[in-house]
Amino acid sequence: MTNAPIILVLDCDMYSNDPKTPLHTLCYFLDPNVDPKLAFVQFPQRFHNINKNDTYGAEHVMETRVCTAGMDGLGGTLFMGTGGFFRRQALIENPKESHQIWNEPIESKDLIALAHHA
């Protein structure tokens, strides 16, 4: 657990084969020309050796290329569940809380309660 300003979300069976992925992501978050309210950057999954008919829908064509707007009724961005770097402030209710430093052991009841709340 960390209180870093950027959080990476990965499925347990996913990884990035490019060690510079975090640097590429920070370019988006730190670019002064990008909206400071940018909440997340996602690198989509890509699978290799898919059969020609894509029997199992592994290419996610509909979700990643055709219909990228979310289904929240407001046209929000779709998150595919893995490969996302999130700005912590976008996930918490009170942005001032993001600057708290926790010097308690990870077993602390307060810290565990906070993690469950998040």
PDB file of N, CA and C in Angstrom:
ATOM      1  N   MET A   1       0.851  -1.185   0.000  1.00  0.00           N
ATOM      2  CA  MET A   1       0.000   0.000   0.000  1.00  0.00           C
ATOM      3  C   MET A   1       0.887   1.235   0.000  1.00  0.00           C
ATOM      4  N   THR A   2       0.398   2.262  -0.641  1.00  0.00           N
ATOM      5  CA  THR A   2       1.171   3.479  -0.780  1.00  0.00           C
ATOM      6  C   THR A   2       0.230   4.681  -0.808  1.00  0.00           C
ATOM      7  N   ASN A   3       0.796   5.824  -0.579  1.00  0.00           N
ATOM      8  CA  ASN A   3       0.009   7.043  -0.736  1.00  0.00           C
ATOM      9  C   ASN A   3       0.574   7.876  -1.887  1.00  0.00           C
ATOM     10  N   ALA A   4       1.151   7.216  -2.875  1.00  0.00           N
ATOM     11  CA  ALA A   4       1.708   7.884  -4.044  1.00  0.00           C
ATOM     12  C   ALA A   4       0.599   8.587  -4.824  1.00  0.00           C
ATOM     13  N   PRO A   5       0.919   9.648  -5.542  1.00  0.00           N
ATOM     14  CA  PRO A   5      -0.112  10.374  -6.292  1.00  0.00           C
ATOM     15  C   PRO A   5      -0.629   9.627  -7.521  1.00  0.00           C
ATOM     16  N   ILE A   6       0.108   8.624  -8.002  1.00  0.00           N
ATOM     17  CA  ILE A   6      -0.316   7.834  -9.158  1.00  0.00           C
ATOM     18  C   ILE A   6      -0.403   6.365  -8.740  1.00  0.00           C
ATOM     19  N   ILE A   7      -1.491   5.691  -9.132  1.00  0.00           N
ATOM     20  CA  ILE A   7      -1.735   4.299  -8.763  1.00  0.00           C
ATOM     21  C   ILE A   7      -1.821   3.475 -10.047  1.00  0.00           C
ATOM     22  N   LEU A   8      -1.135   2.345 -10.088  1.00  0.00           N
ATOM     23  CA  LEU A   8      -1.201   1.432 -11.227  1.00  0.00           C
ATOM     24  C   LEU A   8      -2.145   0.282 -10.890  1.00  0.00           C
ATOM     25  N   VAL A   9      -3.057  -0.015 -11.805  1.00  0.00           N
ATOM     26  CA  VAL A   9      -3.994  -1.122 -11.637  1.00  0.00           C
ATOM     27  C   VAL A   9      -3.701  -2.161 -12.716  1.00  0.00           C
ATOM     28  N   LEU A  10      -3.367  -3.381 -12.273  1.00  0.00           N
ATOM     29  CA  LEU A  10      -3.099  -4.494 -13.190  1.00  0.00           C
ATOM     30  C   LEU A  10      -3.847  -5.730 -12.745  1.00  0.00           C
ATOM     31  N   ASP A  11      -4.304  -6.532 -13.694  1.00  0.00           N
ATOM     32  CA  ASP A  11      -4.803  -7.861 -13.361  1.00  0.00           C
ATOM     33  C   ASP A  11      -3.625  -8.680 -12.867  1.00  0.00           C
ATOM     34  N   CYS A  12      -3.902  -9.713 -12.093  1.00  0.00           N
ATOM     35  CA  CYS A  12      -2.815 -10.515 -11.537  1.00  0.00           C
ATOM     36  C   CYS A  12      -2.043 -11.270 -12.610  1.00  0.00           C
ATOM     37  N   ASP A  13      -2.610 -11.427 -13.791  1.00  0.00           N
ATOM     38  CA  ASP A  13      -1.909 -12.150 -14.849  1.00  0.00           C
ATOM     39  C   ASP A  13      -1.407 -11.226 -15.964  1.00  0.00           C
ATOM     40  N   MET A  14      -1.329  -9.940 -15.680  1.00  0.00           N
ATOM     41  CA  MET A  14      -0.884  -8.969 -16.686  1.00  0.00           C
ATOM     42  C   MET A  14       0.437  -8.331 -16.282  1.00  0.00           C
ATOM     43  N   TYR A  15       1.165  -7.874 -17.268  1.00  0.00           N
ATOM     44  CA  TYR A  15       2.405  -7.143 -17.032  1.00  0.00           C
ATOM     45  C   TYR A  15       2.668  -6.291 -18.267  1.00  0.00           C
ATOM     46  N   SER A  16       3.571  -5.356 -18.137  1.00  0.00           N
ATOM     47  CA  SER A  16       3.990  -4.555 -19.281  1.00  0.00           C
ATOM     48  C   SER A  16       5.351  -5.060 -19.732  1.00  0.00           C
ATOM     49  N   ASN A  17       5.486  -5.294 -21.019  1.00  0.00           N
ATOM     50  CA  ASN A  17       6.787  -5.739 -21.509  1.00  0.00           C
ATOM     51  C   ASN A  17       7.656  -4.551 -21.915  1.00  0.00           C
ATOM     52  N   ASP A  18       7.243  -3.347 -21.582  1.00  0.00           N
ATOM     53  CA  ASP A  18       8.035  -2.142 -21.837  1.00  0.00           C
ATOM     54  C   ASP A  18       8.334  -1.474 -20.492  1.00  0.00           C
ATOM     55  N   PRO A  19       9.576  -1.526 -20.024  1.00  0.00           N
ATOM     56  CA  PRO A  19       9.896  -0.954 -18.713  1.00  0.00           C
ATOM     57  C   PRO A  19       9.738   0.570 -18.652  1.00  0.00           C
ATOM     58  N   LYS A  20       9.552   1.215 -19.796  1.00  0.00           N
ATOM     59  CA  LYS A  20       9.382   2.672 -19.808  1.00  0.00           C
ATOM     60  C   LYS A  20       7.913   3.092 -19.754  1.00  0.00           C
ATOM     61  N   THR A  21       7.004   2.152 -19.602  1.00  0.00           N
ATOM     62  CA  THR A  21       5.583   2.475 -19.553  1.00  0.00           C
ATOM     63  C   THR A  21       5.260   3.541 -18.496  1.00  0.00           C
ATOM     64  N   PRO A  22       5.776   3.421 -17.253  1.00  0.00           N
ATOM     65  CA  PRO A  22       5.479   4.490 -16.272  1.00  0.00           C
ATOM     66  C   PRO A  22       5.978   5.857 -16.727  1.00  0.00           C
ATOM     67  N   LEU A  23       7.116   5.916 -17.388  1.00  0.00           N
ATOM     68  CA  LEU A  23       7.623   7.209 -17.871  1.00  0.00           C
ATOM     69  C   LEU A  23       6.713   7.791 -18.949  1.00  0.00           C
ATOM     70  N   HIS A  24       6.236   6.933 -19.846  1.00  0.00           N
ATOM     71  CA  HIS A  24       5.314   7.394 -20.882  1.00  0.00           C
ATOM     72  C   HIS A  24       4.029   7.935 -20.247  1.00  0.00           C
ATOM     73  N   THR A  25       3.569   7.260 -19.211  1.00  0.00           N
ATOM     74  CA  THR A  25       2.355   7.686 -18.526  1.00  0.00           C
ATOM     75  C   THR A  25       2.540   9.029 -17.843  1.00  0.00           C
ATOM     76  N   LEU A  26       3.667   9.198 -17.170  1.00  0.00           N
ATOM     77  CA  LEU A  26       3.920  10.466 -16.478  1.00  0.00           C
ATOM     78  C   LEU A  26       3.952  11.637 -17.452  1.00  0.00           C
ATOM     79  N   CYS A  27       4.325  11.386 -18.701  1.00  0.00           N
ATOM     80  CA  CYS A  27       4.300  12.457 -19.702  1.00  0.00           C
ATOM     81  C   CYS A  27       2.894  13.028 -19.842  1.00  0.00           C
ATOM     82  N   TYR A  28       1.876  12.177 -19.757  1.00  0.00           N
ATOM     83  CA  TYR A  28       0.499  12.661 -19.831  1.00  0.00           C
ATOM     84  C   TYR A  28       0.119  13.448 -18.578  1.00  0.00           C
ATOM     85  N   PHE A  29       0.432  12.887 -17.414  1.00  0.00           N
ATOM     86  CA  PHE A  29       0.033  13.528 -16.159  1.00  0.00           C
ATOM     87  C   PHE A  29       0.770  14.841 -15.904  1.00  0.00           C
ATOM     88  N   LEU A  30       1.997  14.962 -16.372  1.00  0.00           N
ATOM     89  CA  LEU A  30       2.810  16.141 -16.091  1.00  0.00           C
ATOM     90  C   LEU A  30       2.809  17.176 -17.208  1.00  0.00           C
ATOM     91  N   ASP A  31       2.201  16.879 -18.335  1.00  0.00           N
ATOM     92  CA  ASP A  31       2.163  17.808 -19.462  1.00  0.00           C
ATOM     93  C   ASP A  31       1.304  19.028 -19.098  1.00  0.00           C
ATOM     94  N   PRO A  32       1.869  20.239 -19.139  1.00  0.00           N
ATOM     95  CA  PRO A  32       1.093  21.431 -18.768  1.00  0.00           C
ATOM     96  C   PRO A  32      -0.052  21.715 -19.737  1.00  0.00           C
ATOM     97  N   ASN A  33      -0.041  21.111 -20.935  1.00  0.00           N
ATOM     98  CA  ASN A  33      -1.107  21.338 -21.912  1.00  0.00           C
ATOM     99  C   ASN A  33      -2.277  20.366 -21.761  1.00  0.00           C
ATOM    100  N   VAL A  34      -2.141  19.404 -20.846  1.00  0.00           N
ATOM    101  CA  VAL A  34      -3.199  18.424 -20.606  1.00  0.00           C
ATOM    102  C   VAL A  34      -4.035  18.900 -19.423  1.00  0.00           C
ATOM    103  N   ASP A  35      -5.329  18.647 -19.480  1.00  0.00           N
ATOM    104  CA  ASP A  35      -6.241  19.051 -18.409  1.00  0.00           C
ATOM    105  C   ASP A  35      -5.749  18.512 -17.065  1.00  0.00           C
ATOM    106  N   PRO A  36      -5.593  19.380 -16.052  1.00  0.00           N
ATOM    107  CA  PRO A  36      -5.117  18.905 -14.742  1.00  0.00           C
ATOM    108  C   PRO A  36      -6.100  17.957 -14.058  1.00  0.00           C
ATOM    109  N   LYS A  37      -7.320  17.848 -14.579  1.00  0.00           N
ATOM    110  CA  LYS A  37      -8.296  16.926 -14.020  1.00  0.00           C
ATOM    111  C   LYS A  37      -8.237  15.546 -14.678  1.00  0.00           C
ATOM    112  N   LEU A  38      -7.205  15.316 -15.512  1.00  0.00           N
ATOM    113  CA  LEU A  38      -7.025  14.002 -16.123  1.00  0.00           C
ATOM    114  C   LEU A  38      -7.016  12.952 -15.012  1.00  0.00           C
ATOM    115  N   ALA A  39      -7.915  11.987 -15.076  1.00  0.00           N
ATOM    116  CA  ALA A  39      -8.061  11.004 -14.002  1.00  0.00           C
ATOM    117  C   ALA A  39      -7.224   9.757 -14.216  1.00  0.00           C
ATOM    118  N   PHE A  40      -7.150   9.254 -15.460  1.00  0.00           N
ATOM    119  CA  PHE A  40      -6.371   8.048 -15.680  1.00  0.00           C
ATOM    120  C   PHE A  40      -5.893   7.941 -17.119  1.00  0.00           C
ATOM    121  N   VAL A  41      -4.838   7.151 -17.278  1.00  0.00           N
ATOM    122  CA  VAL A  41      -4.283   6.810 -18.580  1.00  0.00           C
ATOM    123  C   VAL A  41      -4.233   5.293 -18.618  1.00  0.00           C
ATOM    124  N   GLN A  42      -4.742   4.718 -19.694  1.00  0.00           N
ATOM    125  CA  GLN A  42      -4.762   3.260 -19.795  1.00  0.00           C
ATOM    126  C   GLN A  42      -4.046   2.802 -21.051  1.00  0.00           C
ATOM    127  N   PHE A  43      -3.241   1.765 -20.890  1.00  0.00           N
ATOM    128  CA  PHE A  43      -2.599   1.117 -22.022  1.00  0.00           C
ATOM    129  C   PHE A  43      -3.376  -0.165 -22.270  1.00  0.00           C
ATOM    130  N   PRO A  44      -4.047  -0.267 -23.413  1.00  0.00           N
ATOM    131  CA  PRO A  44      -4.908  -1.431 -23.646  1.00  0.00           C
ATOM    132  C   PRO A  44      -4.131  -2.728 -23.796  1.00  0.00           C
ATOM    133  N   GLN A  45      -4.802  -3.812 -23.482  1.00  0.00           N
ATOM    134  CA  GLN A  45      -4.215  -5.135 -23.632  1.00  0.00           C
ATOM    135  C   GLN A  45      -4.119  -5.467 -25.120  1.00  0.00           C
ATOM    136  N   ARG A  46      -3.052  -6.116 -25.486  1.00  0.00           N
ATOM    137  CA  ARG A  46      -2.900  -6.610 -26.851  1.00  0.00           C
ATOM    138  C   ARG A  46      -2.483  -8.069 -26.769  1.00  0.00           C
ATOM    139  N   PHE A  47      -3.167  -8.922 -27.504  1.00  0.00           N
ATOM    140  CA  PHE A  47      -2.872 -10.343 -27.493  1.00  0.00           C
ATOM    141  C   PHE A  47      -2.285 -10.746 -28.834  1.00  0.00           C
ATOM    142  N   HIS A  48      -1.399 -11.707 -28.818  1.00  0.00           N
ATOM    143  CA  HIS A  48      -0.755 -12.199 -30.029  1.00  0.00           C
ATOM    144  C   HIS A  48      -1.232 -13.615 -30.338  1.00  0.00           C
ATOM    145  N   ASN A  49      -1.073 -14.031 -31.581  1.00  0.00           N
ATOM    146  CA  ASN A  49      -1.438 -15.383 -32.038  1.00  0.00           C
ATOM    147  C   ASN A  49      -2.926 -15.678 -31.857  1.00  0.00           C
ATOM    148  N   ILE A  50      -3.752 -14.694 -32.130  1.00  0.00           N
ATOM    149  CA  ILE A  50      -5.205 -14.881 -32.061  1.00  0.00           C
ATOM    150  C   ILE A  50      -5.642 -15.568 -33.347  1.00  0.00           C
ATOM    151  N   ASN A  51      -6.574 -16.533 -33.226  1.00  0.00           N
ATOM    152  CA  ASN A  51      -7.007 -17.207 -34.455  1.00  0.00           C
ATOM    153  C   ASN A  51      -7.734 -16.210 -35.359  1.00  0.00           C
ATOM    154  N   LYS A  52      -7.812 -16.511 -36.650  1.00  0.00           N
ATOM    155  CA  LYS A  52      -8.286 -15.534 -37.634  1.00  0.00           C
ATOM    156  C   LYS A  52      -9.725 -15.087 -37.394  1.00  0.00           C
ATOM    157  N   ASN A  53     -10.528 -15.887 -36.717  1.00  0.00           N
ATOM    158  CA  ASN A  53     -11.913 -15.508 -36.436  1.00  0.00           C
ATOM    159  C   ASN A  53     -12.083 -14.887 -35.055  1.00  0.00           C
ATOM    160  N   ASP A  54     -10.992 -14.795 -34.284  1.00  0.00           N
ATOM    161  CA  ASP A  54     -11.033 -14.240 -32.923  1.00  0.00           C
ATOM    162  C   ASP A  54     -12.199 -14.841 -32.127  1.00  0.00           C
ATOM    163  N   THR A  55     -12.237 -16.149 -32.084  1.00  0.00           N
ATOM    164  CA  THR A  55     -13.329 -16.902 -31.471  1.00  0.00           C
ATOM    165  C   THR A  55     -13.676 -16.430 -30.060  1.00  0.00           C
ATOM    166  N   TYR A  56     -12.674 -16.047 -29.277  1.00  0.00           N
ATOM    167  CA  TYR A  56     -12.926 -15.700 -27.876  1.00  0.00           C
ATOM    168  C   TYR A  56     -13.022 -14.191 -27.644  1.00  0.00           C
ATOM    169  N   GLY A  57     -13.048 -13.407 -28.694  1.00  0.00           N
ATOM    170  CA  GLY A  57     -13.187 -11.961 -28.546  1.00  0.00           C
ATOM    171  C   GLY A  57     -11.988 -11.323 -27.882  1.00  0.00           C
ATOM    172  N   ALA A  58     -10.797 -11.853 -28.103  1.00  0.00           N
ATOM    173  CA  ALA A  58      -9.608 -11.377 -27.405  1.00  0.00           C
ATOM    174  C   ALA A  58      -9.117 -10.026 -27.891  1.00  0.00           C
ATOM    175  N   GLU A  59      -9.536  -9.605 -29.084  1.00  0.00           N
ATOM    176  CA  GLU A  59      -9.054  -8.328 -29.599  1.00  0.00           C
ATOM    177  C   GLU A  59      -9.815  -7.138 -29.010  1.00  0.00           C
ATOM    178  N   HIS A  60     -10.974  -7.358 -28.428  1.00  0.00           N
ATOM    179  CA  HIS A  60     -11.778  -6.288 -27.819  1.00  0.00           C
ATOM    180  C   HIS A  60     -11.996  -5.141 -28.805  1.00  0.00           C
ATOM    181  N   VAL A  61     -12.272  -5.469 -30.064  1.00  0.00           N
ATOM    182  CA  VAL A  61     -12.417  -4.442 -31.093  1.00  0.00           C
ATOM    183  C   VAL A  61     -13.526  -3.463 -30.729  1.00  0.00           C
ATOM    184  N   MET A  62     -14.653  -3.975 -30.326  1.00  0.00           N
ATOM    185  CA  MET A  62     -15.785  -3.106 -30.015  1.00  0.00           C
ATOM    186  C   MET A  62     -15.443  -2.136 -28.881  1.00  0.00           C
ATOM    187  N   GLU A  63     -14.827  -2.650 -27.822  1.00  0.00           N
ATOM    188  CA  GLU A  63     -14.570  -1.822 -26.650  1.00  0.00           C
ATOM    189  C   GLU A  63     -13.417  -0.840 -26.849  1.00  0.00           C
ATOM    190  N   THR A  64     -12.371  -1.238 -27.566  1.00  0.00           N
ATOM    191  CA  THR A  64     -11.191  -0.380 -27.641  1.00  0.00           C
ATOM    192  C   THR A  64     -11.097   0.460 -28.902  1.00  0.00           C
ATOM    193  N   ARG A  65     -11.811   0.087 -29.950  1.00  0.00           N
ATOM    194  CA  ARG A  65     -11.674   0.837 -31.204  1.00  0.00           C
ATOM    195  C   ARG A  65     -12.962   1.486 -31.662  1.00  0.00           C
ATOM    196  N   VAL A  66     -14.090   0.903 -31.348  1.00  0.00           N
ATOM    197  CA  VAL A  66     -15.354   1.393 -31.881  1.00  0.00           C
ATOM    198  C   VAL A  66     -16.109   2.223 -30.850  1.00  0.00           C
ATOM    199  N   CYS A  67     -16.282   1.700 -29.667  1.00  0.00           N
ATOM    200  CA  CYS A  67     -17.141   2.312 -28.657  1.00  0.00           C
ATOM    201  C   CYS A  67     -16.303   2.665 -27.417  1.00  0.00           C
ATOM    202  N   THR A  68     -15.538   3.746 -27.483  1.00  0.00           N
ATOM    203  CA  THR A  68     -14.664   4.071 -26.363  1.00  0.00           C
ATOM    204  C   THR A  68     -15.353   4.903 -25.289  1.00  0.00           C
ATOM    205  N   ALA A  69     -16.507   5.468 -25.585  1.00  0.00           N
ATOM    206  CA  ALA A  69     -17.232   6.212 -24.550  1.00  0.00           C
ATOM    207  C   ALA A  69     -17.858   5.223 -23.584  1.00  0.00           C
ATOM    208  N   GLY A  70     -17.847   5.583 -22.305  1.00  0.00           N
ATOM    209  CA  GLY A  70     -18.385   4.700 -21.287  1.00  0.00           C
ATOM    210  C   GLY A  70     -19.889   4.565 -21.351  1.00  0.00           C
ATOM    211  N   MET A  71     -20.411   3.692 -20.533  1.00  0.00           N
ATOM    212  CA  MET A  71     -21.843   3.423 -20.534  1.00  0.00           C
ATOM    213  C   MET A  71     -22.526   4.028 -19.314  1.00  0.00           C
ATOM    214  N   ASP A  72     -22.002   5.153 -18.820  1.00  0.00           N
ATOM    215  CA  ASP A  72     -22.580   5.766 -17.641  1.00  0.00           C
ATOM    216  C   ASP A  72     -23.690   6.758 -17.983  1.00  0.00           C
ATOM    217  N   GLY A  73     -24.023   6.895 -19.259  1.00  0.00           N
ATOM    218  CA  GLY A  73     -25.058   7.826 -19.670  1.00  0.00           C
ATOM    219  C   GLY A  73     -24.543   9.237 -19.879  1.00  0.00           C
ATOM    220  N   LEU A  74     -23.302   9.493 -19.478  1.00  0.00           N
ATOM    221  CA  LEU A  74     -22.720  10.821 -19.616  1.00  0.00           C
ATOM    222  C   LEU A  74     -21.568  10.833 -20.617  1.00  0.00           C
ATOM    223  N   GLY A  75     -21.304   9.716 -21.250  1.00  0.00           N
ATOM    224  CA  GLY A  75     -20.189   9.623 -22.187  1.00  0.00           C
ATOM    225  C   GLY A  75     -18.852   9.539 -21.497  1.00  0.00           C
ATOM    226  N   GLY A  76     -18.848   9.071 -20.259  1.00  0.00           N
ATOM    227  CA  GLY A  76     -17.608   8.942 -19.496  1.00  0.00           C
ATOM    228  C   GLY A  76     -16.663   7.946 -20.142  1.00  0.00           C
ATOM    229  N   THR A  77     -15.422   8.017 -19.757  1.00  0.00           N
ATOM    230  CA  THR A  77     -14.400   7.156 -20.334  1.00  0.00           C
ATOM    231  C   THR A  77     -14.523   5.736 -19.806  1.00  0.00           C
ATOM    232  N   LEU A  78     -14.297   4.773 -20.667  1.00  0.00           N
ATOM    233  CA  LEU A  78     -14.377   3.363 -20.327  1.00  0.00           C
ATOM    234  C   LEU A  78     -13.027   2.878 -19.808  1.00  0.00           C
ATOM    235  N   PHE A  79     -13.019   2.204 -18.669  1.00  0.00           N
ATOM    236  CA  PHE A  79     -11.802   1.581 -18.140  1.00  0.00           C
ATOM    237  C   PHE A  79     -11.957   0.078 -18.296  1.00  0.00           C
ATOM    238  N   MET A  80     -10.985  -0.552 -18.945  1.00  0.00           N
ATOM    239  CA  MET A  80     -11.084  -1.975 -19.274  1.00  0.00           C
ATOM    240  C   MET A  80     -10.638  -2.901 -18.141  1.00  0.00           C
ATOM    241  N   GLY A  81     -10.270  -2.380 -16.986  1.00  0.00           N
ATOM    242  CA  GLY A  81      -9.981  -3.224 -15.838  1.00  0.00           C
ATOM    243  C   GLY A  81      -8.529  -3.516 -15.552  1.00  0.00           C
ATOM    244  N   THR A  82      -7.632  -3.221 -16.472  1.00  0.00           N
ATOM    245  CA  THR A  82      -6.214  -3.462 -16.236  1.00  0.00           C
ATOM    246  C   THR A  82      -5.393  -2.489 -17.073  1.00  0.00           C
ATOM    247  N   GLY A  83      -4.157  -2.288 -16.671  1.00  0.00           N
ATOM    248  CA  GLY A  83      -3.265  -1.418 -17.432  1.00  0.00           C
ATOM    249  C   GLY A  83      -3.556   0.053 -17.277  1.00  0.00           C
ATOM    250  N   GLY A  84      -4.108   0.444 -16.140  1.00  0.00           N
ATOM    251  CA  GLY A  84      -4.474   1.840 -15.931  1.00  0.00           C
ATOM    252  C   GLY A  84      -3.656   2.502 -14.840  1.00  0.00           C
ATOM    253  N   PHE A  85      -3.215   3.712 -15.118  1.00  0.00           N
ATOM    254  CA  PHE A  85      -2.552   4.551 -14.126  1.00  0.00           C
ATOM    255  C   PHE A  85      -3.558   5.612 -13.709  1.00  0.00           C
ATOM    256  N   PHE A  86      -3.918   5.657 -12.430  1.00  0.00           N
ATOM    257  CA  PHE A  86      -4.927   6.588 -11.931  1.00  0.00           C
ATOM    258  C   PHE A  86      -4.291   7.680 -11.087  1.00  0.00           C
ATOM    259  N   ARG A  87      -4.823   8.882 -11.217  1.00  0.00           N
ATOM    260  CA  ARG A  87      -4.434   9.979 -10.330  1.00  0.00           C
ATOM    261  C   ARG A  87      -5.209   9.774  -9.029  1.00  0.00           C
ATOM    262  N   ARG A  88      -4.497   9.650  -7.930  1.00  0.00           N
ATOM    263  CA  ARG A  88      -5.135   9.378  -6.636  1.00  0.00           C
ATOM    264  C   ARG A  88      -6.231  10.392  -6.325  1.00  0.00           C
ATOM    265  N   GLN A  89      -5.996  11.654  -6.618  1.00  0.00           N
ATOM    266  CA  GLN A  89      -6.979  12.684  -6.300  1.00  0.00           C
ATOM    267  C   GLN A  89      -8.313  12.450  -6.998  1.00  0.00           C
ATOM    268  N   ALA A  90      -8.303  11.755  -8.125  1.00  0.00           N
ATOM    269  CA  ALA A  90      -9.547  11.469  -8.837  1.00  0.00           C
ATOM    270  C   ALA A  90     -10.369  10.388  -8.137  1.00  0.00           C
ATOM    271  N   LEU A  91      -9.745   9.635  -7.241  1.00  0.00           N
ATOM    272  CA  LEU A  91     -10.422   8.507  -6.597  1.00  0.00           C
ATOM    273  C   LEU A  91     -10.881   8.785  -5.179  1.00  0.00           C
ATOM    274  N   ILE A  92     -10.467   9.890  -4.604  1.00  0.00           N
ATOM    275  CA  ILE A  92     -10.818  10.153  -3.216  1.00  0.00           C
ATOM    276  C   ILE A  92     -11.823  11.284  -3.129  1.00  0.00           C
ATOM    277  N   GLU A  93     -12.544  11.329  -2.034  1.00  0.00           N
ATOM    278  CA  GLU A  93     -13.574  12.339  -1.859  1.00  0.00           C
ATOM    279  C   GLU A  93     -12.996  13.715  -1.570  1.00  0.00           C
ATOM    280  N   ASN A  94     -11.954  13.760  -0.762  1.00  0.00           N
ATOM    281  CA  ASN A  94     -11.381  15.031  -0.350  1.00  0.00           C
ATOM    282  C   ASN A  94      -9.924  15.084  -0.806  1.00  0.00           C
ATOM    283  N   PRO A  95      -9.605  15.907  -1.835  1.00  0.00           N
ATOM    284  CA  PRO A  95      -8.238  15.929  -2.358  1.00  0.00           C
ATOM    285  C   PRO A  95      -7.180  16.272  -1.310  1.00  0.00           C
ATOM    286  N   LYS A  96      -7.548  16.985  -0.239  1.00  0.00           N
ATOM    287  CA  LYS A  96      -6.562  17.340   0.783  1.00  0.00           C
ATOM    288  C   LYS A  96      -6.054  16.095   1.508  1.00  0.00           C
ATOM    289  N   GLU A  97      -6.878  15.049   1.567  1.00  0.00           N
ATOM    290  CA  GLU A  97      -6.468  13.822   2.244  1.00  0.00           C
ATOM    291  C   GLU A  97      -5.341  13.112   1.509  1.00  0.00           C
ATOM    292  N   SER A  98      -5.175  13.389   0.222  1.00  0.00           N
ATOM    293  CA  SER A  98      -4.173  12.671  -0.560  1.00  0.00           C
ATOM    294  C   SER A  98      -2.752  12.997  -0.123  1.00  0.00           C
ATOM    295  N   HIS A  99      -2.586  14.070   0.630  1.00  0.00           N
ATOM    296  CA  HIS A  99      -1.243  14.462   1.040  1.00  0.00           C
ATOM    297  C   HIS A  99      -0.884  13.955   2.434  1.00  0.00           C
ATOM    298  N   GLN A 100      -1.774  13.184   3.043  1.00  0.00           N
ATOM    299  CA  GLN A 100      -1.462  12.620   4.347  1.00  0.00           C
ATOM    300  C   GLN A 100      -0.386  11.558   4.212  1.00  0.00           C
ATOM    301  N   ILE A 101       0.516  11.545   5.145  1.00  0.00           N
ATOM    302  CA  ILE A 101       1.539  10.512   5.184  1.00  0.00           C
ATOM    303  C   ILE A 101       1.170   9.553   6.314  1.00  0.00           C
ATOM    304  N   TRP A 102       1.095   8.272   6.006  1.00  0.00           N
ATOM    305  CA  TRP A 102       0.748   7.275   7.011  1.00  0.00           C
ATOM    306  C   TRP A 102       2.026   6.633   7.512  1.00  0.00           C
ATOM    307  N   ASN A 103       2.282   6.840   8.795  1.00  0.00           N
ATOM    308  CA  ASN A 103       3.463   6.252   9.416  1.00  0.00           C
ATOM    309  C   ASN A 103       3.070   5.107  10.335  1.00  0.00           C
ATOM    310  N   GLU A 104       1.984   4.445  10.006  1.00  0.00           N
ATOM    311  CA  GLU A 104       1.503   3.340  10.817  1.00  0.00           C
ATOM    312  C   GLU A 104       1.803   2.029  10.096  1.00  0.00           C
ATOM    313  N   PRO A 105       1.947   0.952  10.861  1.00  0.00           N
ATOM    314  CA  PRO A 105       2.158  -0.345  10.201  1.00  0.00           C
ATOM    315  C   PRO A 105       0.934  -0.720   9.376  1.00  0.00           C
ATOM    316  N   ILE A 106       1.129  -1.540   8.361  1.00  0.00           N
ATOM    317  CA  ILE A 106       0.039  -1.897   7.464  1.00  0.00           C
ATOM    318  C   ILE A 106      -1.077  -2.655   8.192  1.00  0.00           C
ATOM    319  N   GLU A 107      -0.777  -3.216   9.363  1.00  0.00           N
ATOM    320  CA  GLU A 107      -1.790  -3.935  10.131  1.00  0.00           C
ATOM    321  C   GLU A 107      -2.652  -2.996  10.982  1.00  0.00           C
ATOM    322  N   SER A 108      -2.359  -1.701  10.980  1.00  0.00           N
ATOM    323  CA  SER A 108      -3.104  -0.734  11.777  1.00  0.00           C
ATOM    324  C   SER A 108      -4.588  -0.772  11.414  1.00  0.00           C
ATOM    325  N   LYS A 109      -5.459  -0.795  12.425  1.00  0.00           N
ATOM    326  CA  LYS A 109      -6.902  -0.841  12.175  1.00  0.00           C
ATOM    327  C   LYS A 109      -7.372   0.391  11.414  1.00  0.00           C
ATOM    328  N   ASP A 110      -6.801   1.574  11.728  1.00  0.00           N
ATOM    329  CA  ASP A 110      -7.183   2.789  11.022  1.00  0.00           C
ATOM    330  C   ASP A 110      -6.804   2.713   9.545  1.00  0.00           C
ATOM    331  N   LEU A 111      -5.626   2.216   9.275  1.00  0.00           N
ATOM    332  CA  LEU A 111      -5.165   2.112   7.886  1.00  0.00           C
ATOM    333  C   LEU A 111      -5.989   1.075   7.121  1.00  0.00           C
ATOM    334  N   ILE A 112      -6.312  -0.047   7.741  1.00  0.00           N
ATOM    335  CA  ILE A 112      -7.122  -1.054   7.091  1.00  0.00           C
ATOM    336  C   ILE A 112      -8.531  -0.513   6.828  1.00  0.00           C
ATOM    337  N   ALA A 113      -9.084   0.222   7.774  1.00  0.00           N
ATOM    338  CA  ALA A 113     -10.402   0.834   7.580  1.00  0.00           C
ATOM    339  C   ALA A 113     -10.376   1.814   6.412  1.00  0.00           C
ATOM    340  N   LEU A 114      -9.307   2.599   6.311  1.00  0.00           N
ATOM    341  CA  LEU A 114      -9.170   3.539   5.210  1.00  0.00           C
ATOM    342  C   LEU A 114      -9.068   2.799   3.870  1.00  0.00           C
ATOM    343  N   ALA A 115      -8.317   1.704   3.839  1.00  0.00           N
ATOM    344  CA  ALA A 115      -8.173   0.917   2.615  1.00  0.00           C
ATOM    345  C   ALA A 115      -9.525   0.337   2.204  1.00  0.00           C
ATOM    346  N   HIS A 116     -10.313  -0.143   3.154  1.00  0.00           N
ATOM    347  CA  HIS A 116     -11.645  -0.676   2.838  1.00  0.00           C
ATOM    348  C   HIS A 116     -12.552   0.435   2.337  1.00  0.00           C
ATOM    349  N   HIS A 117     -12.417   1.620   2.915  1.00  0.00           N
ATOM    350  CA  HIS A 117     -13.212   2.765   2.461  1.00  0.00           C
ATOM    351  C   HIS A 117     -12.876   3.112   1.017  1.00  0.00           C
ATOM    352  N   ALA A 118     -11.579   3.086   0.680  1.00  0.00           N
ATOM    353  CA  ALA A 118     -11.167   3.414  -0.697  1.00  0.00           C
ATOM    354  C   ALA A 118     -11.673   2.357  -1.648  1.00  0.00           C
TER     355      ALA A 118
END
